[in-house]
C-alpha atoms as a PDB file:
ATOM      1  CA  MET A   1      12.113 -17.577 -59.300  1.00  0.00           C
ATOM      2  CA  CYS A   2      11.127 -18.572 -55.852  1.00  0.00           C
ATOM      3  CA  LYS A   3      13.822 -19.167 -53.288  1.00  0.00           C
ATOM      4  CA  GLY A   4      13.342 -21.321 -50.230  1.00  0.00           C
ATOM      5  CA  GLY A   5      10.246 -20.492 -48.189  1.00  0.00           C
ATOM      6  CA  GLU A   6       8.529 -18.201 -50.695  1.00  0.00           C
ATOM      7  CA  ASN A   7       5.059 -19.000 -52.012  1.00  0.00           C
ATOM      8  CA  MET A   8       5.063 -20.749 -55.374  1.00  0.00           C
ATOM      9  CA  THR A   9       2.432 -20.351 -58.051  1.00  0.00           C
ATOM     10  CA  ASP A  10       1.423 -22.669 -60.887  1.00  0.00           C
ATOM     11  CA  ASP A  11       2.958 -20.252 -63.397  1.00  0.00           C
ATOM     12  CA  GLU A  12       6.340 -20.160 -61.673  1.00  0.00           C
ATOM     13  CA  LEU A  13       9.153 -20.604 -64.179  1.00  0.00           C
ATOM     14  CA  ILE A  14      11.942 -23.013 -63.345  1.00  0.00           C
ATOM     15  CA  SER A  15      15.237 -23.851 -65.012  1.00  0.00           C
ATOM     16  CA  GLY A  16      16.036 -27.104 -66.740  1.00  0.00           C
ATOM     17  CA  ALA A  17      18.205 -28.140 -63.801  1.00  0.00           C
ATOM     18  CA  GLU A  18      15.321 -27.574 -61.382  1.00  0.00           C
ATOM     19  CA  ALA A  19      12.935 -29.445 -63.691  1.00  0.00           C
ATOM     20  CA  ALA A  20      15.371 -32.388 -63.737  1.00  0.00           C
ATOM     21  CA  ARG A  21      15.576 -32.321 -59.936  1.00  0.00           C
ATOM     22  CA  LEU A  22      11.770 -32.378 -59.602  1.00  0.00           C
ATOM     23  CA  MET A  23      11.541 -35.211 -62.128  1.00  0.00           C
ATOM     24  CA  ASN A  24      14.390 -37.117 -60.458  1.00  0.00           C
ATOM     25  CA  ALA A  25      15.979 -37.336 -63.899  1.00  0.00           C
ATOM     26  CA  LYS A  26      19.014 -36.186 -65.828  1.00  0.00           C
ATOM     27  CA  ARG A  27      18.941 -32.811 -67.562  1.00  0.00           C
ATOM     28  CA  SER A  28      19.088 -34.620 -70.912  1.00  0.00           C
ATOM     29  CA  GLU A  29      15.730 -36.275 -70.137  1.00  0.00           C
ATOM     30  CA  VAL A  30      14.154 -32.846 -69.664  1.00  0.00           C
ATOM     31  CA  THR A  31      15.506 -31.879 -73.089  1.00  0.00           C
ATOM     32  CA  HIS A  32      14.043 -35.105 -74.505  1.00  0.00           C
ATOM     33  CA  TYR A  33      10.567 -34.207 -73.166  1.00  0.00           C
ATOM     34  CA  GLU A  34      10.982 -30.723 -74.649  1.00  0.00           C
ATOM     35  CA  LYS A  35      11.994 -32.010 -78.087  1.00  0.00           C
ATOM     36  CA  ARG A  36       9.068 -34.477 -78.148  1.00  0.00           C
ATOM     37  CA  GLY A  37       6.701 -31.603 -77.391  1.00  0.00           C
ATOM     38  CA  THR A  38       5.650 -33.020 -74.024  1.00  0.00           C
ATOM     39  CA  LEU A  39       7.266 -30.198 -72.040  1.00  0.00           C
ATOM     40  CA  PRO A  40       6.779 -26.770 -73.616  1.00  0.00           C
ATOM     41  CA  VAL A  41       9.333 -24.018 -73.129  1.00  0.00           C
ATOM     42  CA  ALA A  42       7.662 -21.074 -71.406  1.00  0.00           C
ATOM     43  CA  LYS A  43      10.563 -18.658 -71.882  1.00  0.00           C
ATOM     44  CA  GLU A  44      13.959 -18.695 -73.530  1.00  0.00           C
ATOM     45  CA  GLU A  45      16.996 -16.672 -72.560  1.00  0.00           C
ATOM     46  CA  TRP A  46      20.336 -16.515 -74.295  1.00  0.00           C
ATOM     47  CA  GLU A  47      23.703 -16.113 -72.601  1.00  0.00           C
ATOM     48  CA  GLY A  48      26.008 -15.498 -75.531  1.00  0.00           C
ATOM     49  CA  ASN A  49      25.399 -18.479 -77.793  1.00  0.00           C
ATOM     50  CA  ARG A  50      24.023 -20.645 -74.977  1.00  0.00           C
ATOM     51  CA  ARG A  51      20.261 -21.169 -74.787  1.00  0.00           C
ATOM     52  CA  LYS A  52      18.637 -21.291 -71.351  1.00  0.00           C
ATOM     53  CA  PRO A  53      15.048 -22.588 -71.441  1.00  0.00           C
ATOM     54  CA  TRP A  54      12.580 -22.003 -68.610  1.00  0.00           C
ATOM     55  CA  TYR A  55       9.619 -24.267 -67.950  1.00  0.00           C
ATOM     56  CA  ARG A  56       6.370 -23.834 -66.042  1.00  0.00           C
ATOM     57  CA  ARG A  57       6.489 -25.691 -62.747  1.00  0.00           C
ATOM     58  CA  SER A  58       2.908 -26.872 -63.337  1.00  0.00           C
ATOM     59  CA  ASP A  59       3.934 -28.511 -66.650  1.00  0.00           C
ATOM     60  CA  VAL A  60       6.808 -30.334 -64.956  1.00  0.00           C
ATOM     61  CA  GLU A  61       4.532 -31.430 -62.102  1.00  0.00           C
ATOM     62  CA  LYS A  62       2.093 -32.941 -64.642  1.00  0.00           C
ATOM     63  CA  ILE A  63       4.899 -35.060 -66.069  1.00  0.00           C
ATOM     64  CA  VAL A  64       5.959 -36.113 -62.562  1.00  0.00           C
ATOM     65  CA  ALA A  65       2.361 -37.126 -61.742  1.00  0.00           C
ATOM     66  CA  PHE A  66       2.066 -39.081 -64.993  1.00  0.00           C
ATOM     67  CA  ARG A  67       5.332 -40.927 -64.350  1.00  0.00           C
ATOM     68  CA  GLN A  68       4.279 -41.795 -60.794  1.00  0.00           C
ATOM     69  CA  ALA A  69       0.900 -43.108 -61.991  1.00  0.00           C
ATOM     70  CA  ARG A  70       2.615 -45.141 -64.725  1.00  0.00           C
ATOM     71  CA  ASP A  71       5.086 -46.603 -62.236  1.00  0.00           C
ATOM     72  CA  ASN A  72       2.261 -47.473 -59.827  1.00  0.00           C
ATOM     73  CA  MET A  73       0.324 -49.222 -62.606  1.00  0.00           C
ATOM     74  CA  ASN A  74       3.418 -51.179 -63.613  1.00  0.00           C
ATOM     75  CA  ALA A  75       3.974 -52.239 -59.999  1.00  0.00           C
ATOM     76  CA  VAL A  76       0.371 -53.451 -59.670  1.00  0.00           C
ATOM     77  CA  SER A  77       0.608 -55.302 -62.999  1.00  0.00           C
ATOM     78  CA  ALA A  78       3.813 -57.009 -61.852  1.00  0.00           C
ATOM     79  CA  GLU A  79       2.152 -58.094 -58.593  1.00  0.00           C
ATOM     80  CA  ASN A  80      -0.795 -59.600 -60.499  1.00  0.00           C
ATOM     81  CA  ALA A  81       1.374 -61.452 -63.024  1.00  0.00           C
END
């Protein structure tokens, strides 16, 4: 995982907490995207009986871009109504 200042690549794996931060959402929303199949799990780790999924930063960024485009379209539609 990249720490502050390091170069990031499209295949960088990030935790669910980091995905939620990038999406400006709760962690449960990240899980919702995962369960719907919109956000694939790139890697899974287990700490005892606790599952820790890792996601590709590029996949999370696609969702962020989609949500921003959707919000922009909704704002334009509201202005034209």
